[in-house]
Amino acid sequence: MDIRSLQTLIQVAELGSFTRAGEKLGYSQPTISFQIKQLEQELGAQLFERVGHTVSLTDEGRSALAYAQQICRMSEELLRGPEMRQTASGVIRLATADSLCGPLVAKGFQRFRAAYPQVSLHVQTAGTDELFRLLDHNEADVVCTLDNHIYNTNYIVVHEEKVGAHFVCSADSLLAEVETLSLRDLLDQPFFLTEKGMSYRRLLDERLARDSLEIRPVLEIGRADLICALLESGGVSFLPDYVTEQAAAEGRIVRLPVEDVQIELWKQILYHRDKWMSRQMEAIIGHLSQDFLRLEPA
């Protein structure tokens, strides 16, 4: 069994395309097809379903992929030598919700850099749908979401935690003195919100739509920390608790008791189940789970 055929199996599985795998490996599409066919003959099993222009792993293919990843990793470690076997190096593409980006990078990157100096981190932000599109097309290695709880067997969840979220306003606002509020009580207030369709803003809009209500914010911006700062001069927002933690503790803003709104928000770290778990992926996932997701305001 040729190691190159196993590498081809990994790339076709990750990229979902014989042509794209050939482009990455420097082979023609017929060569990729031949390698996969030869591997299928050796294993006595069909590894991929080929329907139209789509390619997806069969159950046998998924099992073979796990072995191929282990074999290729051990082969790489052997070639690199004993002194390099435990060293993570390379580029990791991290895709994250915009409101997580500041805390992730500002609070943890220098420690990550000190621990893994040979790993480069490429961070991009997007809405939830785009995050999973990036995963599905192998354009991101790891994703951090801030949304409702994701259940999907295509993805491996390595860390998850429920996050509180509240309507908030300045401590000087008259709203801060009210003991009980309803959603309708807030509709005429000047709202500062993250962009429409993004994460918890989308969940808020969906909750409003259930009662045929709508908020028209005076400001829409992806920087949750900036929204929190602006609130001290007036206005209302809906933000995750980790964003408002410090300002609320210092008495600069107040979390409002809006009783008819219960929005469940989760932060999760995921990767695609067909993704090869490289040393650098192990490094970033471990660091995210232990450090980056202890979120505080950036």
C-alpha atoms as a PDB file:
ATOM      1  CA  MET A   1       0.000   0.000   0.000  1.00  0.00           C
ATOM      2  CA  ASP A   2       1.501   3.307  -1.153  1.00  0.00           C
ATOM      3  CA  ILE A   3       1.674   6.139   1.398  1.00  0.00           C
ATOM      4  CA  ARG A   4       0.859   8.544  -1.435  1.00  0.00           C
ATOM      5  CA  SER A   5      -2.486   6.839  -1.938  1.00  0.00           C
ATOM      6  CA  LEU A   6      -3.272   7.346   1.743  1.00  0.00           C
ATOM      7  CA  GLN A   7      -2.340  11.027   1.460  1.00  0.00           C
ATOM      8  CA  THR A   8      -4.639  11.260  -1.538  1.00  0.00           C
ATOM      9  CA  LEU A   9      -7.463   9.656   0.452  1.00  0.00           C
ATOM     10  CA  ILE A  10      -7.027  12.281   3.182  1.00  0.00           C
ATOM     11  CA  GLN A  11      -7.067  15.207   0.758  1.00  0.00           C
ATOM     12  CA  VAL A  12     -10.074  13.979  -1.237  1.00  0.00           C
ATOM     13  CA  ALA A  13     -11.987  13.469   2.031  1.00  0.00           C
ATOM     14  CA  GLU A  14     -11.097  16.936   3.325  1.00  0.00           C
ATOM     15  CA  LEU A  15     -11.664  18.800   0.079  1.00  0.00           C
ATOM     16  CA  GLY A  16     -14.617  16.765  -1.181  1.00  0.00           C
ATOM     17  CA  SER A  17     -13.224  16.818  -4.711  1.00  0.00           C
ATOM     18  CA  PHE A  18     -10.804  14.747  -6.811  1.00  0.00           C
ATOM     19  CA  THR A  19      -9.899  17.845  -8.822  1.00  0.00           C
ATOM     20  CA  ARG A  20      -9.154  20.039  -5.792  1.00  0.00           C
ATOM     21  CA  ALA A  21      -7.170  17.236  -4.172  1.00  0.00           C
ATOM     22  CA  GLY A  22      -5.106  16.923  -7.362  1.00  0.00           C
ATOM     23  CA  GLU A  23      -4.440  20.668  -7.396  1.00  0.00           C
ATOM     24  CA  LYS A  24      -3.231  20.581  -3.797  1.00  0.00           C
ATOM     25  CA  LEU A  25      -1.059  17.484  -4.244  1.00  0.00           C
ATOM     26  CA  GLY A  26       0.236  18.394  -7.697  1.00  0.00           C
ATOM     27  CA  TYR A  27      -1.377  15.433  -9.473  1.00  0.00           C
ATOM     28  CA  SER A  28      -3.769  15.296 -12.408  1.00  0.00           C
ATOM     29  CA  GLN A  29      -7.384  14.367 -11.773  1.00  0.00           C
ATOM     30  CA  PRO A  30      -6.979  10.982 -13.551  1.00  0.00           C
ATOM     31  CA  THR A  31      -4.012  10.206 -11.280  1.00  0.00           C
ATOM     32  CA  ILE A  32      -6.114  10.948  -8.189  1.00  0.00           C
ATOM     33  CA  SER A  33      -8.913   8.731  -9.513  1.00  0.00           C
ATOM     34  CA  PHE A  34      -6.442   5.916 -10.233  1.00  0.00           C
ATOM     35  CA  GLN A  35      -4.912   6.115  -6.738  1.00  0.00           C
ATOM     36  CA  ILE A  36      -8.316   5.963  -5.064  1.00  0.00           C
ATOM     37  CA  LYS A  37      -9.478   3.115  -7.308  1.00  0.00           C
ATOM     38  CA  GLN A  38      -6.288   1.181  -6.581  1.00  0.00           C
ATOM     39  CA  LEU A  39      -6.747   1.747  -2.852  1.00  0.00           C
ATOM     40  CA  GLU A  40     -10.351   0.554  -3.047  1.00  0.00           C
ATOM     41  CA  GLN A  41      -9.224  -2.606  -4.822  1.00  0.00           C
ATOM     42  CA  GLU A  42      -6.571  -3.302  -2.192  1.00  0.00           C
ATOM     43  CA  LEU A  43      -9.034  -2.777   0.672  1.00  0.00           C
ATOM     44  CA  GLY A  44     -11.925  -4.525  -1.082  1.00  0.00           C
ATOM     45  CA  ALA A  45     -14.314  -1.692  -0.287  1.00  0.00           C
ATOM     46  CA  GLN A  46     -15.765   1.415  -1.905  1.00  0.00           C
ATOM     47  CA  LEU A  47     -14.335   4.445  -0.130  1.00  0.00           C
ATOM     48  CA  PHE A  48     -16.316   7.255  -1.782  1.00  0.00           C
ATOM     49  CA  GLU A  49     -19.820   7.805  -3.064  1.00  0.00           C
ATOM     50  CA  ARG A  50     -19.645   9.626  -6.409  1.00  0.00           C
ATOM     51  CA  VAL A  51     -22.950  11.321  -7.233  1.00  0.00           C
ATOM     52  CA  GLY A  52     -22.817  13.971  -9.948  1.00  0.00           C
ATOM     53  CA  HIS A  53     -20.062  16.394  -9.025  1.00  0.00           C
ATOM     54  CA  THR A  54     -20.105  15.544  -5.311  1.00  0.00           C
ATOM     55  CA  VAL A  55     -17.775  13.148  -3.499  1.00  0.00           C
ATOM     56  CA  SER A  56     -18.454  11.877   0.022  1.00  0.00           C
ATOM     57  CA  LEU A  57     -17.006   9.123   2.200  1.00  0.00           C
ATOM     58  CA  THR A  58     -18.792   5.815   2.665  1.00  0.00           C
ATOM     59  CA  ASP A  59     -18.780   4.172   6.103  1.00  0.00           C
ATOM     60  CA  GLU A  60     -15.847   2.020   4.956  1.00  0.00           C
ATOM     61  CA  GLY A  61     -14.138   5.128   3.642  1.00  0.00           C
ATOM     62  CA  ARG A  62     -14.496   6.893   6.975  1.00  0.00           C
ATOM     63  CA  SER A  63     -12.934   3.948   8.765  1.00  0.00           C
ATOM     64  CA  ALA A  64     -10.075   3.848   6.226  1.00  0.00           C
ATOM     65  CA  LEU A  65      -9.579   7.601   6.615  1.00  0.00           C
ATOM     66  CA  ALA A  66      -8.947   7.264  10.354  1.00  0.00           C
ATOM     67  CA  TYR A  67      -6.233   4.672   9.716  1.00  0.00           C
ATOM     68  CA  ALA A  68      -4.757   6.733   6.869  1.00  0.00           C
ATOM     69  CA  GLN A  69      -4.465   9.765   9.140  1.00  0.00           C
ATOM     70  CA  GLN A  70      -2.653   7.758  11.816  1.00  0.00           C
ATOM     71  CA  ILE A  71      -0.277   6.165   9.306  1.00  0.00           C
ATOM     72  CA  CYS A  72       0.553   9.453   7.603  1.00  0.00           C
ATOM     73  CA  ARG A  73       1.128  11.191  10.928  1.00  0.00           C
ATOM     74  CA  MET A  74       3.512   8.476  12.103  1.00  0.00           C
ATOM     75  CA  SER A  75       5.296   8.555   8.739  1.00  0.00           C
ATOM     76  CA  GLU A  76       5.708  12.317   8.996  1.00  0.00           C
ATOM     77  CA  GLU A  77       7.052  12.080  12.534  1.00  0.00           C
ATOM     78  CA  LEU A  78       9.534   9.381  11.515  1.00  0.00           C
ATOM     79  CA  LEU A  79      10.876  11.484   8.661  1.00  0.00           C
ATOM     80  CA  ARG A  80      11.139  14.636  10.764  1.00  0.00           C
ATOM     81  CA  GLY A  81      13.280  12.971  13.405  1.00  0.00           C
ATOM     82  CA  PRO A  82      12.994  12.426  17.166  1.00  0.00           C
ATOM     83  CA  GLU A  83      13.666  16.051  18.136  1.00  0.00           C
ATOM     84  CA  MET A  84      10.735  17.295  16.017  1.00  0.00           C
ATOM     85  CA  ARG A  85       8.092  14.679  16.768  1.00  0.00           C
ATOM     86  CA  GLN A  86       6.399  16.608  19.557  1.00  0.00           C
ATOM     87  CA  THR A  87       6.756  20.042  17.956  1.00  0.00           C
ATOM     88  CA  ALA A  88       3.664  21.631  16.451  1.00  0.00           C
ATOM     89  CA  SER A  89       4.320  23.744  13.365  1.00  0.00           C
ATOM     90  CA  GLY A  90       2.379  25.107  10.427  1.00  0.00           C
ATOM     91  CA  VAL A  91      -0.662  27.288   9.809  1.00  0.00           C
ATOM     92  CA  ILE A  92      -4.052  26.881  11.496  1.00  0.00           C
ATOM     93  CA  ARG A  93      -7.127  28.608  10.072  1.00  0.00           C
ATOM     94  CA  LEU A  94      -9.449  29.602  12.892  1.00  0.00           C
ATOM     95  CA  ALA A  95     -12.912  30.919  12.015  1.00  0.00           C
ATOM     96  CA  THR A  96     -14.939  32.537  14.771  1.00  0.00           C
ATOM     97  CA  ALA A  97     -17.976  34.630  15.565  1.00  0.00           C
ATOM     98  CA  ASP A  98     -17.093  38.315  15.439  1.00  0.00           C
ATOM     99  CA  SER A  99     -17.933  38.918  19.105  1.00  0.00           C
ATOM    100  CA  LEU A 100     -15.535  36.143  20.167  1.00  0.00           C
ATOM    101  CA  CYS A 101     -12.604  37.393  18.123  1.00  0.00           C
ATOM    102  CA  GLY A 102     -11.419  40.174  20.439  1.00  0.00           C
ATOM    103  CA  PRO A 103     -11.413  38.100  23.638  1.00  0.00           C
ATOM    104  CA  LEU A 104      -9.879  35.090  21.874  1.00  0.00           C
ATOM    105  CA  VAL A 105      -6.949  36.995  20.425  1.00  0.00           C
ATOM    106  CA  ALA A 106      -6.389  39.738  23.012  1.00  0.00           C
ATOM    107  CA  LYS A 107      -6.488  37.475  26.052  1.00  0.00           C
ATOM    108  CA  GLY A 108      -4.704  34.364  24.857  1.00  0.00           C
ATOM    109  CA  PHE A 109      -2.576  34.841  21.778  1.00  0.00           C
ATOM    110  CA  GLN A 110       0.693  35.822  23.451  1.00  0.00           C
ATOM    111  CA  ARG A 111       0.571  32.758  25.707  1.00  0.00           C
ATOM    112  CA  PHE A 112      -0.253  30.571  22.728  1.00  0.00           C
ATOM    113  CA  ARG A 113       2.608  32.125  20.745  1.00  0.00           C
ATOM    114  CA  ALA A 114       5.057  31.491  23.587  1.00  0.00           C
ATOM    115  CA  ALA A 115       3.952  27.853  23.857  1.00  0.00           C
ATOM    116  CA  TYR A 116       3.872  27.163  20.095  1.00  0.00           C
ATOM    117  CA  PRO A 117       6.274  29.544  18.334  1.00  0.00           C
ATOM    118  CA  GLN A 118       6.205  27.551  15.084  1.00  0.00           C
ATOM    119  CA  VAL A 119       2.417  27.695  14.655  1.00  0.00           C
ATOM    120  CA  SER A 120       0.888  30.586  12.712  1.00  0.00           C
ATOM    121  CA  LEU A 121      -2.747  31.465  13.341  1.00  0.00           C
ATOM    122  CA  HIS A 122      -4.977  32.808  10.555  1.00  0.00           C
ATOM    123  CA  VAL A 123      -8.177  34.200  12.108  1.00  0.00           C
ATOM    124  CA  GLN A 124     -11.305  35.200  10.203  1.00  0.00           C
ATOM    125  CA  THR A 125     -14.744  36.215  11.469  1.00  0.00           C
ATOM    126  CA  ALA A 126     -18.121  35.306  10.016  1.00  0.00           C
ATOM    127  CA  GLY A 127     -21.746  34.541  10.799  1.00  0.00           C
ATOM    128  CA  THR A 128     -22.697  31.018  11.851  1.00  0.00           C
ATOM    129  CA  ASP A 129     -23.816  29.840   8.405  1.00  0.00           C
ATOM    130  CA  GLU A 130     -20.574  31.040   6.853  1.00  0.00           C
ATOM    131  CA  LEU A 131     -18.510  29.425   9.619  1.00  0.00           C
ATOM    132  CA  PHE A 132     -19.922  26.017   8.740  1.00  0.00           C
ATOM    133  CA  ARG A 133     -19.567  26.653   5.024  1.00  0.00           C
ATOM    134  CA  LEU A 134     -15.864  27.271   5.678  1.00  0.00           C
ATOM    135  CA  LEU A 135     -15.618  24.004   7.619  1.00  0.00           C
ATOM    136  CA  ASP A 136     -17.480  22.024   4.965  1.00  0.00           C
ATOM    137  CA  HIS A 137     -15.200  23.331   2.189  1.00  0.00           C
ATOM    138  CA  ASN A 138     -11.996  22.862   4.222  1.00  0.00           C
ATOM    139  CA  GLU A 139     -11.390  26.616   4.239  1.00  0.00           C
ATOM    140  CA  ALA A 140     -11.197  26.604   8.051  1.00  0.00           C
ATOM    141  CA  ASP A 141      -9.603  24.040  10.343  1.00  0.00           C
ATOM    142  CA  VAL A 142     -11.317  24.962  13.611  1.00  0.00           C
ATOM    143  CA  VAL A 143     -14.449  26.987  14.331  1.00  0.00           C
ATOM    144  CA  CYS A 144     -15.585  28.817  17.454  1.00  0.00           C
ATOM    145  CA  THR A 145     -19.300  29.607  17.453  1.00  0.00           C
ATOM    146  CA  LEU A 146     -21.490  31.816  19.632  1.00  0.00           C
ATOM    147  CA  ASP A 147     -25.036  30.797  18.777  1.00  0.00           C
ATOM    148  CA  ASN A 148     -27.690  28.254  19.666  1.00  0.00           C
ATOM    149  CA  HIS A 149     -26.478  24.755  20.498  1.00  0.00           C
ATOM    150  CA  ILE A 150     -25.143  22.975  17.395  1.00  0.00           C
ATOM    151  CA  TYR A 151     -26.056  19.308  16.957  1.00  0.00           C
ATOM    152  CA  ASN A 152     -24.613  17.836  13.758  1.00  0.00           C
ATOM    153  CA  THR A 153     -22.860  14.508  13.287  1.00  0.00           C
ATOM    154  CA  ASN A 154     -20.632  16.056  10.600  1.00  0.00           C
ATOM    155  CA  TYR A 155     -18.771  17.999  13.294  1.00  0.00           C
ATOM    156  CA  ILE A 156     -16.792  17.059  16.385  1.00  0.00           C
ATOM    157  CA  VAL A 157     -17.525  19.300  19.379  1.00  0.00           C
ATOM    158  CA  VAL A 158     -14.429  19.457  21.589  1.00  0.00           C
ATOM    159  CA  HIS A 159     -15.609  22.121  24.035  1.00  0.00           C
ATOM    160  CA  GLU A 160     -18.910  23.807  24.771  1.00  0.00           C
ATOM    161  CA  GLU A 161     -20.292  26.093  27.426  1.00  0.00           C
ATOM    162  CA  LYS A 162     -23.575  27.898  27.954  1.00  0.00           C
ATOM    163  CA  VAL A 163     -23.315  31.698  27.964  1.00  0.00           C
ATOM    164  CA  GLY A 164     -25.670  34.138  29.672  1.00  0.00           C
ATOM    165  CA  ALA A 165     -27.006  37.126  27.708  1.00  0.00           C
ATOM    166  CA  HIS A 166     -29.034  40.139  28.870  1.00  0.00           C
ATOM    167  CA  PHE A 167     -30.468  43.440  27.786  1.00  0.00           C
ATOM    168  CA  VAL A 168     -28.229  46.144  29.245  1.00  0.00           C
ATOM    169  CA  CYS A 169     -28.254  49.919  29.655  1.00  0.00           C
ATOM    170  CA  SER A 170     -26.370  52.706  31.436  1.00  0.00           C
ATOM    171  CA  ALA A 171     -26.569  52.727  35.228  1.00  0.00           C
ATOM    172  CA  ASP A 172     -27.880  56.318  34.910  1.00  0.00           C
ATOM    173  CA  SER A 173     -30.845  55.286  32.764  1.00  0.00           C
ATOM    174  CA  LEU A 174     -34.374  55.396  34.206  1.00  0.00           C
ATOM    175  CA  LEU A 175     -34.728  51.788  33.031  1.00  0.00           C
ATOM    176  CA  ALA A 176     -32.118  50.770  35.589  1.00  0.00           C
ATOM    177  CA  GLU A 177     -34.571  51.607  38.384  1.00  0.00           C
ATOM    178  CA  VAL A 178     -37.406  49.414  37.065  1.00  0.00           C
ATOM    179  CA  GLU A 179     -37.835  46.062  38.829  1.00  0.00           C
ATOM    180  CA  THR A 180     -39.637  44.234  36.025  1.00  0.00           C
ATOM    181  CA  LEU A 181     -39.639  44.894  32.279  1.00  0.00           C
ATOM    182  CA  SER A 182     -41.180  43.291  29.218  1.00  0.00           C
ATOM    183  CA  LEU A 183     -39.783  43.211  25.713  1.00  0.00           C
ATOM    184  CA  ARG A 184     -42.352  45.742  24.567  1.00  0.00           C
ATOM    185  CA  ASP A 185     -41.148  48.205  27.212  1.00  0.00           C
ATOM    186  CA  LEU A 186     -37.826  48.478  25.376  1.00  0.00           C
ATOM    187  CA  LEU A 187     -38.910  48.837  21.771  1.00  0.00           C
ATOM    188  CA  ASP A 188     -38.818  52.661  21.736  1.00  0.00           C
ATOM    189  CA  GLN A 189     -35.323  52.837  23.213  1.00  0.00           C
ATOM    190  CA  PRO A 190     -32.263  53.688  21.074  1.00  0.00           C
ATOM    191  CA  PHE A 191     -30.652  50.279  20.492  1.00  0.00           C
ATOM    192  CA  PHE A 192     -26.984  49.531  19.741  1.00  0.00           C
ATOM    193  CA  LEU A 193     -26.724  46.031  18.253  1.00  0.00           C
ATOM    194  CA  THR A 194     -24.337  43.766  16.388  1.00  0.00           C
ATOM    195  CA  GLU A 195     -24.986  43.245  12.665  1.00  0.00           C
ATOM    196  CA  LYS A 196     -28.267  41.693  11.576  1.00  0.00           C
ATOM    197  CA  GLY A 197     -28.051  37.933  11.024  1.00  0.00           C
ATOM    198  CA  MET A 198     -25.037  37.496  13.300  1.00  0.00           C
ATOM    199  CA  SER A 199     -25.086  35.040  16.193  1.00  0.00           C
ATOM    200  CA  TYR A 200     -27.048  36.339  19.207  1.00  0.00           C
ATOM    201  CA  ARG A 201     -28.464  39.242  17.178  1.00  0.00           C
ATOM    202  CA  ARG A 202     -30.123  36.681  14.911  1.00  0.00           C
ATOM    203  CA  LEU A 203     -31.492  34.793  17.925  1.00  0.00           C
ATOM    204  CA  LEU A 204     -32.893  38.063  19.309  1.00  0.00           C
ATOM    205  CA  ASP A 205     -34.551  38.912  15.989  1.00  0.00           C
ATOM    206  CA  GLU A 206     -36.080  35.429  15.828  1.00  0.00           C
ATOM    207  CA  ARG A 207     -37.513  35.913  19.330  1.00  0.00           C
ATOM    208  CA  LEU A 208     -38.952  39.307  18.328  1.00  0.00           C
ATOM    209  CA  ALA A 209     -40.486  37.836  15.164  1.00  0.00           C
ATOM    210  CA  ARG A 210     -42.477  35.344  17.257  1.00  0.00           C
ATOM    211  CA  ASP A 211     -44.461  38.314  18.613  1.00  0.00           C
ATOM    212  CA  SER A 212     -44.390  40.219  15.296  1.00  0.00           C
ATOM    213  CA  LEU A 213     -42.034  42.787  16.839  1.00  0.00           C
ATOM    214  CA  GLU A 214     -38.959  44.498  15.433  1.00  0.00           C
ATOM    215  CA  ILE A 215     -36.097  46.604  16.759  1.00  0.00           C
ATOM    216  CA  ARG A 216     -34.594  49.241  14.503  1.00  0.00           C
ATOM    217  CA  PRO A 217     -31.202  50.017  16.021  1.00  0.00           C
ATOM    218  CA  VAL A 218     -29.570  53.428  15.779  1.00  0.00           C
ATOM    219  CA  LEU A 219     -26.186  51.690  15.515  1.00  0.00           C
ATOM    220  CA  GLU A 220     -25.135  48.304  14.106  1.00  0.00           C
ATOM    221  CA  ILE A 221     -21.508  47.278  14.563  1.00  0.00           C
ATOM    222  CA  GLY A 222     -19.620  44.010  15.075  1.00  0.00           C
ATOM    223  CA  ARG A 223     -17.576  45.284  18.027  1.00  0.00           C
ATOM    224  CA  ALA A 224     -19.461  44.144  21.123  1.00  0.00           C
ATOM    225  CA  ASP A 225     -16.855  45.763  23.388  1.00  0.00           C
ATOM    226  CA  LEU A 226     -17.423  49.127  21.680  1.00  0.00           C
ATOM    227  CA  ILE A 227     -21.192  48.783  22.088  1.00  0.00           C
ATOM    228  CA  CYS A 228     -20.643  48.140  25.797  1.00  0.00           C
ATOM    229  CA  ALA A 229     -18.561  51.312  26.103  1.00  0.00           C
ATOM    230  CA  LEU A 230     -21.112  53.415  24.190  1.00  0.00           C
ATOM    231  CA  LEU A 231     -23.929  52.289  26.487  1.00  0.00           C
ATOM    232  CA  GLU A 232     -22.482  54.298  29.355  1.00  0.00           C
ATOM    233  CA  SER A 233     -23.695  57.438  27.592  1.00  0.00           C
ATOM    234  CA  GLY A 234     -27.214  56.085  26.971  1.00  0.00           C
ATOM    235  CA  GLY A 235     -29.013  53.512  24.876  1.00  0.00           C
ATOM    236  CA  VAL A 236     -29.874  49.824  25.230  1.00  0.00           C
ATOM    237  CA  SER A 237     -28.290  46.660  23.860  1.00  0.00           C
ATOM    238  CA  PHE A 238     -28.480  42.879  24.071  1.00  0.00           C
ATOM    239  CA  LEU A 239     -25.067  41.365  24.794  1.00  0.00           C
ATOM    240  CA  PRO A 240     -23.436  38.196  26.147  1.00  0.00           C
ATOM    241  CA  ASP A 241     -22.582  38.432  29.830  1.00  0.00           C
ATOM    242  CA  TYR A 242     -18.839  38.001  29.275  1.00  0.00           C
ATOM    243  CA  VAL A 243     -18.836  41.286  27.334  1.00  0.00           C
ATOM    244  CA  THR A 244     -20.570  43.244  30.101  1.00  0.00           C
ATOM    245  CA  GLU A 245     -18.962  41.507  33.101  1.00  0.00           C
ATOM    246  CA  GLN A 246     -16.489  44.200  34.080  1.00  0.00           C
ATOM    247  CA  ALA A 247     -18.725  47.216  33.385  1.00  0.00           C
ATOM    248  CA  ALA A 248     -21.588  45.633  35.346  1.00  0.00           C
ATOM    249  CA  ALA A 249     -19.312  44.767  38.277  1.00  0.00           C
ATOM    250  CA  GLU A 250     -18.076  48.372  38.373  1.00  0.00           C
ATOM    251  CA  GLY A 251     -21.625  49.729  38.307  1.00  0.00           C
ATOM    252  CA  ARG A 252     -21.293  51.497  34.966  1.00  0.00           C
ATOM    253  CA  ILE A 253     -24.031  49.506  33.232  1.00  0.00           C
ATOM    254  CA  VAL A 254     -26.992  47.458  34.451  1.00  0.00           C
ATOM    255  CA  ARG A 255     -28.472  44.160  33.234  1.00  0.00           C
ATOM    256  CA  LEU A 256     -32.190  44.642  32.791  1.00  0.00           C
ATOM    257  CA  PRO A 257     -34.821  42.239  34.233  1.00  0.00           C
ATOM    258  CA  VAL A 258     -36.690  41.476  30.993  1.00  0.00           C
ATOM    259  CA  GLU A 259     -38.798  38.527  32.052  1.00  0.00           C
ATOM    260  CA  ASP A 260     -40.368  37.463  28.760  1.00  0.00           C
ATOM    261  CA  VAL A 261     -37.114  36.855  26.872  1.00  0.00           C
ATOM    262  CA  GLN A 262     -35.085  33.686  27.442  1.00  0.00           C
ATOM    263  CA  ILE A 263     -32.420  33.162  24.753  1.00  0.00           C
ATOM    264  CA  GLU A 264     -30.089  30.175  25.044  1.00  0.00           C
ATOM    265  CA  LEU A 265     -26.597  31.015  23.832  1.00  0.00           C
ATOM    266  CA  TRP A 266     -23.662  28.602  23.555  1.00  0.00           C
ATOM    267  CA  LYS A 267     -20.004  28.914  22.713  1.00  0.00           C
ATOM    268  CA  GLN A 268     -18.597  25.807  21.040  1.00  0.00           C
ATOM    269  CA  ILE A 269     -15.309  24.685  19.495  1.00  0.00           C
ATOM    270  CA  LEU A 270     -15.817  22.348  16.535  1.00  0.00           C
ATOM    271  CA  TYR A 271     -13.975  20.787  13.634  1.00  0.00           C
ATOM    272  CA  HIS A 272     -15.129  18.605  10.751  1.00  0.00           C
ATOM    273  CA  ARG A 273     -15.118  14.899  11.545  1.00  0.00           C
ATOM    274  CA  ASP A 274     -13.158  14.149   8.350  1.00  0.00           C
ATOM    275  CA  LYS A 275     -10.397  16.614   9.214  1.00  0.00           C
ATOM    276  CA  TRP A 276      -6.900  15.299   9.801  1.00  0.00           C
ATOM    277  CA  MET A 277      -5.926  16.076  13.417  1.00  0.00           C
ATOM    278  CA  SER A 278      -2.432  17.473  12.879  1.00  0.00           C
ATOM    279  CA  ARG A 279      -0.069  18.463  15.697  1.00  0.00           C
ATOM    280  CA  GLN A 280      -0.883  22.125  15.147  1.00  0.00           C
ATOM    281  CA  MET A 281      -4.616  21.395  15.290  1.00  0.00           C
ATOM    282  CA  GLU A 282      -4.149  19.522  18.548  1.00  0.00           C
ATOM    283  CA  ALA A 283      -2.223  22.519  19.879  1.00  0.00           C
ATOM    284  CA  ILE A 284      -4.812  25.165  19.012  1.00  0.00           C
ATOM    285  CA  ILE A 285      -7.790  23.045  20.128  1.00  0.00           C
ATOM    286  CA  GLY A 286      -6.117  22.291  23.452  1.00  0.00           C
ATOM    287  CA  HIS A 287      -5.262  25.934  23.996  1.00  0.00           C
ATOM    288  CA  LEU A 288      -8.728  27.145  23.027  1.00  0.00           C
ATOM    289  CA  SER A 289     -10.366  24.670  25.376  1.00  0.00           C
ATOM    290  CA  GLN A 290      -8.140  25.530  28.322  1.00  0.00           C
ATOM    291  CA  ASP A 291      -7.513  29.228  27.862  1.00  0.00           C
ATOM    292  CA  PHE A 292      -9.199  31.123  25.044  1.00  0.00           C
ATOM    293  CA  LEU A 293     -12.742  30.250  26.080  1.00  0.00           C
ATOM    294  CA  ARG A 294     -12.315  31.730  29.536  1.00  0.00           C
ATOM    295  CA  LEU A 295     -13.811  34.815  28.031  1.00  0.00           C
ATOM    296  CA  GLU A 296     -13.449  38.277  29.482  1.00  0.00           C
ATOM    297  CA  PRO A 297     -13.903  41.682  27.864  1.00  0.00           C
ATOM    298  CA  ALA A 298     -11.053  42.467  25.456  1.00  0.00           C
END
